[in-house]
PDB file of all heavy atoms in Angstrom:
ATOM      1  N   LEU A   1     130.013  92.099  48.716  1.00  0.00           N
ATOM      2  CA  LEU A   1     130.355  90.949  47.847  1.00  0.00           C
ATOM      3  C   LEU A   1     129.646  89.610  48.071  1.00  0.00           C
ATOM      4  O   LEU A   1     129.518  88.781  47.314  1.00  0.00           O
ATOM      5  CB  LEU A   1     131.770  90.740  48.074  1.00  0.00           C
ATOM      6  CG  LEU A   1     132.756  91.921  47.674  1.00  0.00           C
ATOM      7  CD1 LEU A   1     134.251  91.465  47.924  1.00  0.00           C
ATOM      8  CD2 LEU A   1     132.593  92.330  46.271  1.00  0.00           C
ATOM      9  N   ALA A   2     128.912  89.685  49.261  1.00  0.00           N
ATOM     10  CA  ALA A   2     128.187  88.441  49.616  1.00  0.00           C
ATOM     11  C   ALA A   2     127.018  88.160  48.664  1.00  0.00           C
ATOM     12  O   ALA A   2     126.296  89.068  48.229  1.00  0.00           O
ATOM     13  CB  ALA A   2     127.585  88.555  50.987  1.00  0.00           C
ATOM     14  N   LYS A   3     126.940  86.965  48.237  1.00  0.00           N
ATOM     15  CA  LYS A   3     125.983  86.629  47.116  1.00  0.00           C
ATOM     16  C   LYS A   3     124.600  86.332  47.564  1.00  0.00           C
ATOM     17  O   LYS A   3     123.642  86.182  46.720  1.00  0.00           O
ATOM     18  CB  LYS A   3     126.589  85.287  46.408  1.00  0.00           C
ATOM     19  CG  LYS A   3     127.809  85.604  45.608  1.00  0.00           C
ATOM     20  CD  LYS A   3     128.343  84.362  44.903  1.00  0.00           C
ATOM     21  CE  LYS A   3     129.677  84.580  44.188  1.00  0.00           C
ATOM     22  NZ  LYS A   3     130.150  83.306  43.457  1.00  0.00           N
ATOM     23  N   SER A   4     124.458  86.252  48.856  1.00  0.00           N
ATOM     24  CA  SER A   4     123.025  86.050  49.431  1.00  0.00           C
ATOM     25  C   SER A   4     122.877  86.817  50.585  1.00  0.00           C
ATOM     26  O   SER A   4     123.833  87.184  51.231  1.00  0.00           O
ATOM     27  CB  SER A   4     122.756  84.700  49.551  1.00  0.00           C
ATOM     28  OG  SER A   4     123.493  84.236  50.796  1.00  0.00           O
ATOM     29  N   PRO A   5     121.529  87.245  50.744  1.00  0.00           N
ATOM     30  CA  PRO A   5     121.426  88.078  52.114  1.00  0.00           C
ATOM     31  C   PRO A   5     121.791  87.222  53.342  1.00  0.00           C
ATOM     32  O   PRO A   5     122.254  87.970  54.354  1.00  0.00           O
ATOM     33  CB  PRO A   5     119.697  88.271  52.126  1.00  0.00           C
ATOM     34  CG  PRO A   5     119.358  88.059  50.737  1.00  0.00           C
ATOM     35  CD  PRO A   5     120.367  87.124  50.129  1.00  0.00           C
ATOM     36  N   ARG A   6     121.731  86.046  53.445  1.00  0.00           N
ATOM     37  CA  ARG A   6     122.139  85.226  54.580  1.00  0.00           C
ATOM     38  C   ARG A   6     123.593  85.277  54.808  1.00  0.00           C
ATOM     39  O   ARG A   6     124.139  85.453  55.864  1.00  0.00           O
ATOM     40  CB  ARG A   6     121.698  83.727  54.375  1.00  0.00           C
ATOM     41  CG  ARG A   6     122.090  82.881  55.553  1.00  0.00           C
ATOM     42  CD  ARG A   6     121.403  81.495  55.359  1.00  0.00           C
ATOM     43  NE  ARG A   6     121.697  80.550  56.470  1.00  0.00           N
ATOM     44  CZ  ARG A   6     122.784  79.909  56.615  1.00  0.00           C
ATOM     45  NH1 ARG A   6     123.671  79.857  55.508  1.00  0.00           N
ATOM     46  NH2 ARG A   6     122.976  79.033  57.625  1.00  0.00           N
ATOM     47  N   ARG A   7     124.431  85.215  53.680  1.00  0.00           N
ATOM     48  CA  ARG A   7     125.876  85.297  53.809  1.00  0.00           C
ATOM     49  C   ARG A   7     126.254  86.843  54.221  1.00  0.00           C
ATOM     50  O   ARG A   7     127.124  87.039  55.022  1.00  0.00           O
ATOM     51  CB  ARG A   7     126.503  84.992  52.504  1.00  0.00           C
ATOM     52  CG  ARG A   7     126.506  83.506  52.151  1.00  0.00           C
ATOM     53  CD  ARG A   7     127.227  83.181  50.861  1.00  0.00           C
ATOM     54  NE  ARG A   7     127.226  81.832  50.542  1.00  0.00           N
ATOM     55  CZ  ARG A   7     127.697  81.288  49.413  1.00  0.00           C
ATOM     56  NH1 ARG A   7     128.571  82.061  48.612  1.00  0.00           N
ATOM     57  NH2 ARG A   7     127.689  80.060  49.114  1.00  0.00           N
ATOM     58  N   ARG A   8     125.443  87.749  53.683  1.00  0.00           N
ATOM     59  CA  ARG A   8     125.814  89.159  54.077  1.00  0.00           C
ATOM     60  C   ARG A   8     125.562  89.366  55.566  1.00  0.00           C
ATOM     61  O   ARG A   8     126.239  90.033  56.237  1.00  0.00           O
ATOM     62  CB  ARG A   8     124.885  90.066  53.179  1.00  0.00           C
ATOM     63  CG  ARG A   8     125.000  91.578  53.570  1.00  0.00           C
ATOM     64  CD  ARG A   8     124.097  92.363  52.769  1.00  0.00           C
ATOM     65  NE  ARG A   8     124.056  93.880  53.140  1.00  0.00           N
ATOM     66  CZ  ARG A   8     124.874  94.695  52.615  1.00  0.00           C
ATOM     67  NH1 ARG A   8     125.811  94.267  51.833  1.00  0.00           N
ATOM     68  NH2 ARG A   8     124.824  95.948  53.139  1.00  0.00           N
ATOM     69  N   GLU A   9     124.398  88.696  56.024  1.00  0.00           N
ATOM     70  CA  GLU A   9     124.158  88.939  57.391  1.00  0.00           C
ATOM     71  C   GLU A   9     125.126  88.204  58.367  1.00  0.00           C
ATOM     72  O   GLU A   9     125.504  88.894  59.351  1.00  0.00           O
ATOM     73  CB  GLU A   9     122.685  88.324  57.772  1.00  0.00           C
ATOM     74  CG  GLU A   9     122.014  88.644  59.060  1.00  0.00           C
ATOM     75  CD  GLU A   9     121.815  90.197  59.004  1.00  0.00           C
ATOM     76  OE1 GLU A   9     121.516  90.742  57.891  1.00  0.00           O
ATOM     77  OE2 GLU A   9     121.906  90.828  60.052  1.00  0.00           O
ATOM     78  N   ILE A  10     125.709  87.074  57.829  1.00  0.00           N
ATOM     79  CA  ILE A  10     126.692  86.455  58.703  1.00  0.00           C
ATOM     80  C   ILE A  10     128.036  87.375  58.733  1.00  0.00           C
ATOM     81  O   ILE A  10     128.678  87.434  59.848  1.00  0.00           O
ATOM     82  CB  ILE A  10     127.103  85.048  57.995  1.00  0.00           C
ATOM     83  CG1 ILE A  10     125.816  84.068  58.409  1.00  0.00           C
ATOM     84  CG2 ILE A  10     128.367  84.412  58.703  1.00  0.00           C
ATOM     85  CD1 ILE A  10     126.129  82.805  57.558  1.00  0.00           C
ATOM     86  N   VAL A  11     128.384  87.853  57.667  1.00  0.00           N
ATOM     87  CA  VAL A  11     129.493  88.811  57.544  1.00  0.00           C
ATOM     88  C   VAL A  11     129.338  89.950  58.447  1.00  0.00           C
ATOM     89  O   VAL A  11     130.270  90.320  59.267  1.00  0.00           O
ATOM     90  CB  VAL A  11     129.851  89.328  56.097  1.00  0.00           C
ATOM     91  CG1 VAL A  11     130.765  90.335  56.110  1.00  0.00           C
ATOM     92  CG2 VAL A  11     130.268  88.019  55.301  1.00  0.00           C
ATOM     93  N   ILE A  12     128.232  90.638  58.340  1.00  0.00           N
ATOM     94  CA  ILE A  12     127.946  91.791  59.219  1.00  0.00           C
ATOM     95  C   ILE A  12     127.911  91.419  60.675  1.00  0.00           C
ATOM     96  O   ILE A  12     128.453  92.215  61.533  1.00  0.00           O
ATOM     97  CB  ILE A  12     126.649  92.381  58.840  1.00  0.00           C
ATOM     98  CG1 ILE A  12     126.828  93.063  57.394  1.00  0.00           C
ATOM     99  CG2 ILE A  12     126.282  93.580  59.744  1.00  0.00           C
ATOM    100  CD1 ILE A  12     125.579  93.617  56.774  1.00  0.00           C
ATOM    101  N   THR A  13     127.348  90.187  61.057  1.00  0.00           N
ATOM    102  CA  THR A  13     127.330  89.914  62.442  1.00  0.00           C
ATOM    103  C   THR A  13     128.709  89.594  62.924  1.00  0.00           C
ATOM    104  O   THR A  13     129.006  89.992  64.047  1.00  0.00           O
ATOM    105  CB  THR A  13     126.461  88.506  62.588  1.00  0.00           C
ATOM    106  OG1 THR A  13     125.158  88.753  62.011  1.00  0.00           O
ATOM    107  CG2 THR A  13     126.447  88.071  63.961  1.00  0.00           C
ATOM    108  N   LEU A  14     129.538  88.883  62.170  1.00  0.00           N
ATOM    109  CA  LEU A  14     130.992  88.733  62.601  1.00  0.00           C
ATOM    110  C   LEU A  14     131.708  90.061  62.831  1.00  0.00           C
ATOM    111  O   LEU A  14     132.337  90.248  63.862  1.00  0.00           O
ATOM    112  CB  LEU A  14     131.632  87.948  61.656  1.00  0.00           C
ATOM    113  CG  LEU A  14     131.521  86.373  61.679  1.00  0.00           C
ATOM    114  CD1 LEU A  14     132.185  85.786  60.433  1.00  0.00           C
ATOM    115  CD2 LEU A  14     132.081  85.889  63.017  1.00  0.00           C
ATOM    116  N   GLY A  15     131.424  91.073  61.897  1.00  0.00           N
ATOM    117  CA  GLY A  15     132.096  92.234  61.981  1.00  0.00           C
ATOM    118  C   GLY A  15     131.675  93.108  63.089  1.00  0.00           C
ATOM    119  O   GLY A  15     132.424  93.725  63.964  1.00  0.00           O
ATOM    120  N   LEU A  16     130.222  93.060  63.457  1.00  0.00           N
ATOM    121  CA  LEU A  16     129.814  93.781  64.655  1.00  0.00           C
ATOM    122  C   LEU A  16     130.335  93.170  65.916  1.00  0.00           C
ATOM    123  O   LEU A  16     130.656  93.921  66.897  1.00  0.00           O
ATOM    124  CB  LEU A  16     128.269  93.781  64.627  1.00  0.00           C
ATOM    125  CG  LEU A  16     127.566  94.679  63.468  1.00  0.00           C
ATOM    126  CD1 LEU A  16     126.021  94.572  63.645  1.00  0.00           C
ATOM    127  CD2 LEU A  16     128.245  96.030  63.514  1.00  0.00           C
ATOM    128  N   PHE A  17     130.341  91.765  65.973  1.00  0.00           N
ATOM    129  CA  PHE A  17     130.866  91.260  67.138  1.00  0.00           C
ATOM    130  C   PHE A  17     132.303  91.569  67.476  1.00  0.00           C
ATOM    131  O   PHE A  17     132.782  91.933  68.501  1.00  0.00           O
ATOM    132  CB  PHE A  17     130.682  89.729  67.106  1.00  0.00           C
ATOM    133  CG  PHE A  17     129.430  89.157  67.867  1.00  0.00           C
ATOM    134  CD1 PHE A  17     128.641  88.389  67.027  1.00  0.00           C
ATOM    135  CD2 PHE A  17     129.227  89.401  69.173  1.00  0.00           C
ATOM    136  CE1 PHE A  17     127.330  87.951  67.651  1.00  0.00           C
ATOM    137  CE2 PHE A  17     128.232  88.844  69.762  1.00  0.00           C
ATOM    138  CZ  PHE A  17     127.169  88.126  69.078  1.00  0.00           C
ATOM    139  N   GLY A  18     133.172  91.406  66.309  1.00  0.00           N
ATOM    140  CA  GLY A  18     134.573  91.928  66.442  1.00  0.00           C
ATOM    141  C   GLY A  18     134.660  93.308  66.936  1.00  0.00           C
ATOM    142  O   GLY A  18     135.612  93.575  67.703  1.00  0.00           O
ATOM    143  N   ALA A  19     133.982  94.248  66.355  1.00  0.00           N
ATOM    144  CA  ALA A  19     133.932  95.636  66.727  1.00  0.00           C
ATOM    145  C   ALA A  19     133.571  95.781  68.206  1.00  0.00           C
ATOM    146  O   ALA A  19     134.211  96.563  68.942  1.00  0.00           O
ATOM    147  CB  ALA A  19     133.024  96.523  65.893  1.00  0.00           C
ATOM    148  N   ALA A  20     132.627  95.049  68.780  1.00  0.00           N
ATOM    149  CA  ALA A  20     132.052  95.256  69.960  1.00  0.00           C
ATOM    150  C   ALA A  20     133.238  94.616  71.010  1.00  0.00           C
ATOM    151  O   ALA A  20     133.324  95.280  72.047  1.00  0.00           O
ATOM    152  CB  ALA A  20     130.814  94.239  70.200  1.00  0.00           C
ATOM    153  N   PHE A  21     133.952  93.616  70.601  1.00  0.00           N
ATOM    154  CA  PHE A  21     134.991  93.202  71.533  1.00  0.00           C
ATOM    155  C   PHE A  21     136.183  94.096  71.497  1.00  0.00           C
ATOM    156  O   PHE A  21     136.865  94.208  72.577  1.00  0.00           O
ATOM    157  CB  PHE A  21     135.489  91.746  71.057  1.00  0.00           C
ATOM    158  CG  PHE A  21     134.371  90.660  71.432  1.00  0.00           C
ATOM    159  CD1 PHE A  21     133.830  89.924  70.515  1.00  0.00           C
ATOM    160  CD2 PHE A  21     134.260  90.340  72.793  1.00  0.00           C
ATOM    161  CE1 PHE A  21     133.003  88.871  70.846  1.00  0.00           C
ATOM    162  CE2 PHE A  21     133.399  89.496  73.189  1.00  0.00           C
ATOM    163  CZ  PHE A  21     132.733  88.621  72.171  1.00  0.00           C
ATOM    164  N   LEU A  22     136.329  94.866  70.438  1.00  0.00           N
ATOM    165  CA  LEU A  22     137.518  95.810  70.372  1.00  0.00           C
ATOM    166  C   LEU A  22     137.085  96.974  71.491  1.00  0.00           C
ATOM    167  O   LEU A  22     138.168  97.523  72.152  1.00  0.00           O
ATOM    168  CB  LEU A  22     137.558  96.469  69.032  1.00  0.00           C
ATOM    169  CG  LEU A  22     138.355  95.618  67.979  1.00  0.00           C
ATOM    170  CD1 LEU A  22     138.373  96.409  66.604  1.00  0.00           C
ATOM    171  CD2 LEU A  22     139.807  95.535  68.490  1.00  0.00           C
ATOM    172  N   TYR A  23     135.832  97.371  71.643  1.00  0.00           N
ATOM    173  CA  TYR A  23     135.433  98.400  72.537  1.00  0.00           C
ATOM    174  C   TYR A  23     135.852  97.741  73.973  1.00  0.00           C
ATOM    175  O   TYR A  23     136.332  98.533  74.873  1.00  0.00           O
ATOM    176  CB  TYR A  23     133.875  98.608  72.531  1.00  0.00           C
ATOM    177  CG  TYR A  23     133.612  99.704  71.427  1.00  0.00           C
ATOM    178  CD1 TYR A  23     132.884  99.225  70.232  1.00  0.00           C
ATOM    179  CD2 TYR A  23     133.966 100.951  71.491  1.00  0.00           C
ATOM    180  CE1 TYR A  23     132.471 100.089  69.220  1.00  0.00           C
ATOM    181  CE2 TYR A  23     133.691 101.895  70.436  1.00  0.00           C
ATOM    182  CZ  TYR A  23     132.902 101.364  69.308  1.00  0.00           C
ATOM    183  OH  TYR A  23     132.555 102.360  68.451  1.00  0.00           O
ATOM    184  N   ALA A  24     135.399  96.572  74.311  1.00  0.00           N
ATOM    185  CA  ALA A  24     135.762  95.950  75.502  1.00  0.00           C
ATOM    186  C   ALA A  24     137.260  95.993  75.846  1.00  0.00           C
ATOM    187  O   ALA A  24     137.656  96.205  76.903  1.00  0.00           O
ATOM    188  CB  ALA A  24     135.189  94.476  75.526  1.00  0.00           C
ATOM    189  N   ASP A  25     137.998  95.675  74.758  1.00  0.00           N
ATOM    190  CA  ASP A  25     139.448  95.589  74.958  1.00  0.00           C
ATOM    191  C   ASP A  25     139.899  97.072  75.225  1.00  0.00           C
ATOM    192  O   ASP A  25     140.864  97.208  76.047  1.00  0.00           O
ATOM    193  CB  ASP A  25     140.135  95.157  73.632  1.00  0.00           C
ATOM    194  CG  ASP A  25     141.607  95.351  73.626  1.00  0.00           C
ATOM    195  OD1 ASP A  25     142.257  94.681  74.430  1.00  0.00           O
ATOM    196  OD2 ASP A  25     142.169  96.064  72.977  1.00  0.00           O
ATOM    197  N   GLY A  26     139.287  98.135  74.606  1.00  0.00           N
ATOM    198  CA  GLY A  26     139.756  99.541  74.851  1.00  0.00           C
ATOM    199  C   GLY A  26     139.431  99.914  76.319  1.00  0.00           C
ATOM    200  O   GLY A  26     139.976 100.911  76.758  1.00  0.00           O
ATOM    201  N   MET A  27     138.572  99.192  77.109  1.00  0.00           N
ATOM    202  CA  MET A  27     138.237  99.569  78.452  1.00  0.00           C
ATOM    203  C   MET A  27     139.337  98.980  79.322  1.00  0.00           C
ATOM    204  O   MET A  27     139.718  99.573  80.320  1.00  0.00           O
ATOM    205  CB  MET A  27     136.956  98.992  78.798  1.00  0.00           C
ATOM    206  CG  MET A  27     135.741  99.523  78.164  1.00  0.00           C
ATOM    207  SD  MET A  27     134.165  98.740  78.494  1.00  0.00           S
ATOM    208  CE  MET A  27     133.015  99.560  77.420  1.00  0.00           C
ATOM    209  N   ILE A  28     139.962  97.847  78.945  1.00  0.00           N
ATOM    210  CA  ILE A  28     140.828  97.106  79.711  1.00  0.00           C
ATOM    211  C   ILE A  28     142.287  97.621  79.534  1.00  0.00           C
ATOM    212  O   ILE A  28     143.006  97.732  80.528  1.00  0.00           O
ATOM    213  CB  ILE A  28     140.804  95.494  79.658  1.00  0.00           C
ATOM    214  CG1 ILE A  28     139.267  95.099  79.962  1.00  0.00           C
ATOM    215  CG2 ILE A  28     141.810  94.820  80.388  1.00  0.00           C
ATOM    216  CD1 ILE A  28     139.206  93.607  79.689  1.00  0.00           C
ATOM    217  N   THR A  29     142.661  97.889  78.355  1.00  0.00           N
ATOM    218  CA  THR A  29     144.036  98.233  78.110  1.00  0.00           C
ATOM    219  C   THR A  29     144.545  99.455  78.853  1.00  0.00           C
ATOM    220  O   THR A  29     145.643  99.401  79.333  1.00  0.00           O
ATOM    221  CB  THR A  29     144.142  98.522  76.536  1.00  0.00           C
ATOM    222  OG1 THR A  29     143.944  97.287  75.867  1.00  0.00           O
ATOM    223  CG2 THR A  29     145.527  99.048  76.236  1.00  0.00           C
ATOM    224  N   PRO A  30     143.868 100.581  79.004  1.00  0.00           N
ATOM    225  CA  PRO A  30     144.340 101.668  79.696  1.00  0.00           C
ATOM    226  C   PRO A  30     144.515 101.222  81.239  1.00  0.00           C
ATOM    227  O   PRO A  30     145.520 101.759  81.904  1.00  0.00           O
ATOM    228  CB  PRO A  30     143.231 102.700  79.643  1.00  0.00           C
ATOM    229  CG  PRO A  30     142.637 102.450  78.331  1.00  0.00           C
ATOM    230  CD  PRO A  30     142.482 100.916  78.313  1.00  0.00           C
ATOM    231  N   ALA A  31     143.584 100.403  81.771  1.00  0.00           N
ATOM    232  CA  ALA A  31     143.620 100.081  83.226  1.00  0.00           C
ATOM    233  C   ALA A  31     144.791  99.138  83.411  1.00  0.00           C
ATOM    234  O   ALA A  31     145.688  99.465  84.381  1.00  0.00           O
ATOM    235  CB  ALA A  31     142.411  99.337  83.542  1.00  0.00           C
ATOM    236  N   ILE A  32     144.997  98.203  82.600  1.00  0.00           N
ATOM    237  CA  ILE A  32     146.224  97.193  82.917  1.00  0.00           C
ATOM    238  C   ILE A  32     147.471  97.862  82.563  1.00  0.00           C
ATOM    239  O   ILE A  32     148.473  97.688  83.295  1.00  0.00           O
ATOM    240  CB  ILE A  32     145.937  95.896  82.124  1.00  0.00           C
ATOM    241  CG1 ILE A  32     146.875  94.885  82.691  1.00  0.00           C
ATOM    242  CG2 ILE A  32     146.082  96.112  80.634  1.00  0.00           C
ATOM    243  CD1 ILE A  32     146.601  93.429  82.060  1.00  0.00           C
ATOM    244  N   SER A  33     147.497  98.741  81.607  1.00  0.00           N
ATOM    245  CA  SER A  33     148.894  99.265  81.110  1.00  0.00           C
ATOM    246  C   SER A  33     149.333 100.355  82.259  1.00  0.00           C
ATOM    247  O   SER A  33     150.469 100.283  82.658  1.00  0.00           O
ATOM    248  CB  SER A  33     148.646 100.023  79.863  1.00  0.00           C
ATOM    249  OG  SER A  33     148.399  99.086  78.868  1.00  0.00           O
TER     250      SER A  33
END
């Protein structure tokens, strides 16, 4: 839906960062729980 390549890149970058942090959370949750 992004109207320009730059906006699309920003959206994808945010999504990739969010997914990467979910993996990091997945490492800590079993340990602390």
